[in-house]
């Protein structure tokens, strides 16, 4: 069986809901706080590919850093957005759940059902 990894920020309400749902379902999983164990560019890119998304699709647009960097007003490439996400983890939507060759952005938390 494929290992399940939840990439999260522990103080995030949605992340806590996802972890609780997995525990209540008896699912064995590993949590990775990507603020303590930052994403490598390769890892984040791999997760985005597994989710069949682009970096711009998982940007947290309500974050202070998003507004401070004026990302909306600039024409960043997807690779530049990925670099910004590595530098500023607040820009990454969460939680991201990885299971084998699949990954999902668990927003809303009910999306975890898609992995089972």
N, C-alpha and C. Protein backbone atom coordinates (compact mmCIF):
# COMPACT_ATOMS: atom_id res chain seq x y z
N UNK A 1 0.84 -1.19 0.00
CA UNK A 1 0.00 0.00 0.00
C UNK A 1 0.88 1.25 0.00
N UNK A 2 0.47 2.24 -0.75
CA UNK A 2 1.24 3.47 -0.85
C UNK A 2 1.16 4.27 0.45
N UNK A 3 2.30 4.83 0.82
CA UNK A 3 2.37 5.69 2.00
C UNK A 3 1.61 6.98 1.72
N UNK A 4 0.95 7.49 2.74
CA UNK A 4 0.22 8.75 2.62
C UNK A 4 0.98 9.81 3.39
N UNK A 5 1.24 10.93 2.73
CA UNK A 5 1.93 12.04 3.36
C UNK A 5 1.06 13.28 3.24
N UNK A 6 0.89 13.97 4.36
CA UNK A 6 0.12 15.21 4.39
C UNK A 6 1.09 16.36 4.62
N UNK A 7 1.17 17.24 3.64
CA UNK A 7 2.02 18.44 3.75
C UNK A 7 1.14 19.55 4.29
N UNK A 8 1.52 20.06 5.45
CA UNK A 8 0.61 20.94 6.18
C UNK A 8 1.32 22.04 6.94
N UNK A 9 0.48 22.94 7.45
CA UNK A 9 0.86 23.91 8.46
C UNK A 9 -0.03 23.55 9.66
N UNK A 10 0.56 23.09 10.78
CA UNK A 10 -0.24 22.58 11.89
C UNK A 10 -1.29 23.53 12.45
N UNK A 11 -1.11 24.83 12.30
CA UNK A 11 -2.09 25.78 12.83
C UNK A 11 -3.25 26.02 11.87
N UNK A 12 -3.19 25.45 10.68
CA UNK A 12 -4.23 25.62 9.66
C UNK A 12 -5.45 24.78 10.02
N UNK A 13 -6.61 25.40 10.06
CA UNK A 13 -7.85 24.71 10.41
C UNK A 13 -8.16 23.57 9.44
N UNK A 14 -8.01 23.82 8.14
CA UNK A 14 -8.29 22.78 7.15
C UNK A 14 -7.33 21.61 7.32
N UNK A 15 -6.07 21.90 7.60
CA UNK A 15 -5.08 20.83 7.82
C UNK A 15 -5.48 19.97 9.02
N UNK A 16 -5.92 20.62 10.08
CA UNK A 16 -6.34 19.87 11.28
C UNK A 16 -7.56 19.01 10.98
N UNK A 17 -8.50 19.52 10.19
CA UNK A 17 -9.69 18.74 9.82
C UNK A 17 -9.32 17.51 9.01
N UNK A 18 -8.39 17.68 8.08
CA UNK A 18 -7.94 16.56 7.25
C UNK A 18 -7.26 15.51 8.12
N UNK A 19 -6.36 15.93 9.00
CA UNK A 19 -5.66 14.98 9.88
C UNK A 19 -6.66 14.23 10.76
N UNK A 20 -7.64 14.94 11.30
CA UNK A 20 -8.66 14.32 12.15
C UNK A 20 -9.46 13.28 11.35
N UNK A 21 -9.85 13.62 10.14
CA UNK A 21 -10.62 12.70 9.30
C UNK A 21 -9.82 11.44 8.99
N UNK A 22 -8.52 11.60 8.70
CA UNK A 22 -7.68 10.45 8.41
C UNK A 22 -7.52 9.56 9.65
N UNK A 23 -7.31 10.17 10.81
CA UNK A 23 -7.18 9.41 12.07
C UNK A 23 -8.48 8.65 12.35
N UNK A 24 -9.61 9.35 12.21
CA UNK A 24 -10.91 8.72 12.48
C UNK A 24 -11.21 7.58 11.51
N UNK A 25 -10.63 7.64 10.32
CA UNK A 25 -10.82 6.58 9.33
C UNK A 25 -9.82 5.44 9.51
N UNK A 26 -8.92 5.59 10.48
CA UNK A 26 -7.92 4.56 10.73
C UNK A 26 -6.82 4.52 9.69
N UNK A 27 -6.61 5.61 9.00
CA UNK A 27 -5.59 5.68 7.96
C UNK A 27 -4.24 6.05 8.57
N UNK A 28 -3.22 5.28 8.23
CA UNK A 28 -1.87 5.57 8.68
C UNK A 28 -1.25 6.59 7.73
N UNK A 29 -0.74 7.68 8.28
CA UNK A 29 -0.16 8.71 7.43
C UNK A 29 0.94 9.44 8.17
N UNK A 30 1.75 10.13 7.39
CA UNK A 30 2.84 10.93 7.93
C UNK A 30 2.51 12.40 7.68
N UNK A 31 2.79 13.24 8.66
CA UNK A 31 2.58 14.68 8.51
C UNK A 31 3.93 15.34 8.28
N UNK A 32 3.96 16.28 7.36
CA UNK A 32 5.16 17.08 7.13
C UNK A 32 4.77 18.55 7.25
N UNK A 33 5.35 19.20 8.24
CA UNK A 33 5.15 20.64 8.41
C UNK A 33 6.16 21.30 7.48
N UNK A 34 5.68 21.82 6.35
CA UNK A 34 6.61 22.37 5.36
C UNK A 34 7.19 23.72 5.75
N UNK A 35 6.86 24.19 6.93
CA UNK A 35 7.53 25.38 7.46
C UNK A 35 8.81 24.96 8.20
N UNK A 36 8.80 23.74 8.74
CA UNK A 36 9.97 23.20 9.43
C UNK A 36 10.84 22.40 8.45
N UNK A 37 10.19 21.64 7.60
CA UNK A 37 10.87 20.86 6.56
C UNK A 37 10.46 21.44 5.21
N UNK A 38 11.12 22.52 4.77
CA UNK A 38 10.69 23.20 3.54
C UNK A 38 10.72 22.31 2.30
N UNK A 39 9.81 22.62 1.38
CA UNK A 39 9.81 21.93 0.09
C UNK A 39 11.09 22.25 -0.67
N UNK A 40 11.61 21.25 -1.34
CA UNK A 40 12.63 21.53 -2.36
C UNK A 40 11.84 21.90 -3.60
N UNK A 41 12.48 22.56 -4.52
CA UNK A 41 11.78 22.93 -5.76
C UNK A 41 11.33 21.66 -6.49
N UNK A 42 12.19 20.65 -6.50
CA UNK A 42 11.86 19.38 -7.16
C UNK A 42 10.63 18.73 -6.53
N UNK A 43 10.57 18.72 -5.20
CA UNK A 43 9.45 18.08 -4.51
C UNK A 43 8.15 18.81 -4.76
N UNK A 44 8.16 20.13 -4.62
CA UNK A 44 6.93 20.89 -4.83
C UNK A 44 6.46 20.75 -6.28
N UNK A 45 7.40 20.80 -7.21
CA UNK A 45 7.05 20.64 -8.62
C UNK A 45 6.43 19.26 -8.86
N UNK A 46 7.00 18.24 -8.25
CA UNK A 46 6.49 16.88 -8.37
C UNK A 46 5.05 16.77 -7.84
N UNK A 47 4.79 17.39 -6.68
CA UNK A 47 3.44 17.37 -6.11
C UNK A 47 2.45 18.08 -7.03
N UNK A 48 2.86 19.21 -7.59
CA UNK A 48 1.98 19.97 -8.48
C UNK A 48 1.66 19.16 -9.73
N UNK A 49 2.66 18.47 -10.27
CA UNK A 49 2.43 17.60 -11.44
C UNK A 49 1.46 16.47 -11.07
N UNK A 50 1.66 15.87 -9.91
CA UNK A 50 0.77 14.78 -9.46
C UNK A 50 -0.67 15.26 -9.28
N UNK A 51 -0.82 16.54 -8.92
CA UNK A 51 -2.16 17.11 -8.75
C UNK A 51 -2.76 17.55 -10.08
N UNK A 52 -1.94 17.47 -11.15
CA UNK A 52 -2.37 17.92 -12.48
C UNK A 52 -2.79 19.40 -12.44
N UNK A 53 -1.94 20.18 -11.79
CA UNK A 53 -2.20 21.61 -11.64
C UNK A 53 -0.96 22.40 -12.05
N UNK A 54 -1.10 23.72 -12.03
CA UNK A 54 0.03 24.62 -12.27
C UNK A 54 0.30 25.36 -10.97
N UNK A 55 1.54 25.83 -10.77
CA UNK A 55 1.82 26.58 -9.54
C UNK A 55 0.83 27.72 -9.28
N UNK A 56 0.45 28.44 -10.33
CA UNK A 56 -0.47 29.56 -10.14
C UNK A 56 -1.84 29.13 -9.60
N UNK A 57 -2.18 27.85 -9.79
CA UNK A 57 -3.48 27.35 -9.33
C UNK A 57 -3.49 27.01 -7.84
N UNK A 58 -2.31 26.94 -7.23
CA UNK A 58 -2.28 26.63 -5.80
C UNK A 58 -1.71 27.79 -4.97
N UNK A 59 -1.74 28.97 -5.56
CA UNK A 59 -1.30 30.17 -4.84
C UNK A 59 -2.35 30.60 -3.82
N UNK A 60 -1.90 30.94 -2.64
CA UNK A 60 -2.79 31.52 -1.61
C UNK A 60 -2.83 33.03 -1.86
N UNK A 61 -3.90 33.49 -2.46
CA UNK A 61 -3.99 34.88 -2.91
C UNK A 61 -4.41 35.85 -1.82
N UNK A 62 -4.83 35.35 -0.66
CA UNK A 62 -5.24 36.25 0.42
C UNK A 62 -4.13 36.51 1.43
N UNK A 63 -2.97 35.94 1.19
CA UNK A 63 -1.85 36.11 2.12
C UNK A 63 -1.22 37.49 1.97
N UNK A 64 -0.71 38.00 3.07
CA UNK A 64 -0.03 39.30 3.07
C UNK A 64 1.12 39.33 2.08
N UNK A 65 1.89 38.25 2.03
CA UNK A 65 3.06 38.21 1.16
C UNK A 65 2.65 38.26 -0.31
N UNK A 66 1.53 37.66 -0.65
CA UNK A 66 1.01 37.71 -2.03
C UNK A 66 0.76 39.16 -2.42
N UNK A 67 0.12 39.88 -1.51
CA UNK A 67 -0.19 41.30 -1.77
C UNK A 67 1.07 42.16 -1.74
N UNK A 68 1.96 41.87 -0.80
CA UNK A 68 3.20 42.65 -0.68
C UNK A 68 4.08 42.51 -1.92
N UNK A 69 4.11 41.32 -2.49
CA UNK A 69 4.93 41.08 -3.69
C UNK A 69 4.21 41.53 -4.97
N UNK A 70 2.94 41.94 -4.82
CA UNK A 70 2.14 42.39 -5.98
C UNK A 70 2.12 41.34 -7.09
N UNK A 71 1.98 40.09 -6.69
CA UNK A 71 2.00 38.98 -7.66
C UNK A 71 0.91 39.15 -8.71
N UNK A 72 -0.24 39.59 -8.29
CA UNK A 72 -1.37 39.78 -9.20
C UNK A 72 -1.03 40.75 -10.33
N UNK A 73 -0.23 41.75 -10.02
CA UNK A 73 0.08 42.81 -10.98
C UNK A 73 1.28 42.49 -11.87
N UNK A 74 1.93 41.39 -11.60
CA UNK A 74 3.13 41.05 -12.36
C UNK A 74 2.86 39.82 -13.23
N UNK A 75 3.63 39.70 -14.26
CA UNK A 75 3.44 38.59 -15.18
C UNK A 75 4.50 37.52 -14.94
N UNK A 76 4.39 36.86 -13.78
CA UNK A 76 5.36 35.82 -13.43
C UNK A 76 5.11 34.55 -14.25
N UNK A 77 6.18 33.89 -14.61
CA UNK A 77 6.05 32.57 -15.25
C UNK A 77 5.69 31.55 -14.17
N UNK A 78 5.24 30.38 -14.58
CA UNK A 78 4.91 29.33 -13.62
C UNK A 78 6.15 28.94 -12.82
N UNK A 79 7.31 28.92 -13.46
CA UNK A 79 8.55 28.58 -12.78
C UNK A 79 8.92 29.65 -11.74
N UNK A 80 8.69 30.91 -12.07
CA UNK A 80 8.95 31.99 -11.11
C UNK A 80 7.99 31.90 -9.92
N UNK A 81 6.75 31.54 -10.19
CA UNK A 81 5.77 31.37 -9.10
C UNK A 81 6.23 30.23 -8.19
N UNK A 82 6.70 29.16 -8.80
CA UNK A 82 7.22 28.02 -8.02
C UNK A 82 8.38 28.48 -7.13
N UNK A 83 9.29 29.28 -7.67
CA UNK A 83 10.41 29.80 -6.88
C UNK A 83 9.91 30.66 -5.70
N UNK A 84 8.89 31.48 -5.95
CA UNK A 84 8.32 32.30 -4.88
C UNK A 84 7.70 31.43 -3.79
N UNK A 85 7.06 30.34 -4.19
CA UNK A 85 6.45 29.43 -3.21
C UNK A 85 7.51 28.75 -2.34
N UNK A 86 8.65 28.46 -2.93
CA UNK A 86 9.75 27.86 -2.17
C UNK A 86 10.28 28.88 -1.15
N UNK A 87 10.43 30.11 -1.60
CA UNK A 87 10.95 31.16 -0.73
C UNK A 87 9.95 31.59 0.33
N UNK A 88 8.67 31.61 -0.02
CA UNK A 88 7.59 32.07 0.88
C UNK A 88 6.53 30.97 0.99
N UNK A 89 6.69 30.04 1.93
CA UNK A 89 5.75 28.92 2.03
C UNK A 89 4.30 29.33 2.30
N UNK A 90 4.08 30.55 2.79
CA UNK A 90 2.70 31.02 2.99
C UNK A 90 1.93 31.09 1.67
N UNK A 91 2.63 31.10 0.56
CA UNK A 91 1.97 31.18 -0.75
C UNK A 91 1.38 29.85 -1.21
N UNK A 92 1.73 28.76 -0.53
CA UNK A 92 1.29 27.42 -0.96
C UNK A 92 -0.04 27.06 -0.31
N UNK A 93 -1.04 26.75 -1.16
CA UNK A 93 -2.33 26.25 -0.64
C UNK A 93 -2.06 24.94 0.09
N UNK A 94 -2.85 24.69 1.10
CA UNK A 94 -2.66 23.48 1.91
C UNK A 94 -3.99 22.96 2.41
N UNK A 95 -4.02 21.74 2.87
CA UNK A 95 -2.96 20.72 2.86
C UNK A 95 -2.87 20.03 1.50
N UNK A 96 -1.68 19.55 1.21
CA UNK A 96 -1.47 18.71 0.03
C UNK A 96 -1.27 17.30 0.55
N UNK A 97 -2.00 16.37 -0.02
CA UNK A 97 -1.90 14.97 0.39
C UNK A 97 -1.36 14.17 -0.77
N UNK A 98 -0.30 13.41 -0.49
CA UNK A 98 0.35 12.59 -1.50
C UNK A 98 0.16 11.12 -1.16
N UNK A 99 -0.24 10.36 -2.16
CA UNK A 99 -0.36 8.90 -2.01
C UNK A 99 0.13 8.28 -3.30
N UNK A 100 1.35 7.74 -3.25
CA UNK A 100 1.92 7.12 -4.44
C UNK A 100 2.08 8.10 -5.58
N UNK A 101 1.45 7.78 -6.71
CA UNK A 101 1.58 8.62 -7.91
C UNK A 101 0.50 9.69 -7.98
N UNK A 102 -0.31 9.81 -6.91
CA UNK A 102 -1.37 10.81 -6.89
C UNK A 102 -1.13 11.81 -5.77
N UNK A 103 -1.65 12.99 -5.97
CA UNK A 103 -1.64 14.01 -4.91
C UNK A 103 -2.88 14.87 -5.13
N UNK A 104 -3.40 15.39 -4.04
CA UNK A 104 -4.55 16.29 -4.12
C UNK A 104 -4.34 17.49 -3.20
N UNK A 105 -4.97 18.56 -3.55
CA UNK A 105 -5.09 19.70 -2.66
C UNK A 105 -6.39 19.47 -1.91
N UNK A 106 -6.30 19.21 -0.62
CA UNK A 106 -7.48 18.82 0.17
C UNK A 106 -8.26 20.04 0.64
N UNK A 107 -8.72 20.82 -0.31
CA UNK A 107 -9.59 21.97 -0.06
C UNK A 107 -10.79 21.82 -0.95
N UNK A 108 -11.93 21.54 -0.43
CA UNK A 108 -12.26 21.33 0.97
C UNK A 108 -11.74 19.98 1.46
N UNK A 109 -11.74 19.77 2.79
CA UNK A 109 -11.18 18.54 3.36
C UNK A 109 -11.83 17.26 2.83
N UNK A 110 -13.07 17.33 2.40
CA UNK A 110 -13.76 16.14 1.89
C UNK A 110 -13.09 15.55 0.65
N UNK A 111 -12.25 16.32 0.01
CA UNK A 111 -11.55 15.83 -1.19
C UNK A 111 -10.64 14.62 -0.90
N UNK A 112 -10.32 14.37 0.37
CA UNK A 112 -9.44 13.24 0.68
C UNK A 112 -10.05 11.93 0.21
N UNK A 113 -11.36 11.88 0.07
CA UNK A 113 -12.03 10.65 -0.40
C UNK A 113 -11.54 10.26 -1.79
N UNK A 114 -11.06 11.23 -2.56
CA UNK A 114 -10.59 10.95 -3.91
C UNK A 114 -9.36 10.04 -3.93
N UNK A 115 -8.66 9.94 -2.82
CA UNK A 115 -7.46 9.10 -2.76
C UNK A 115 -7.77 7.65 -2.41
N UNK A 116 -9.01 7.37 -2.01
CA UNK A 116 -9.34 6.01 -1.55
C UNK A 116 -10.36 5.34 -2.43
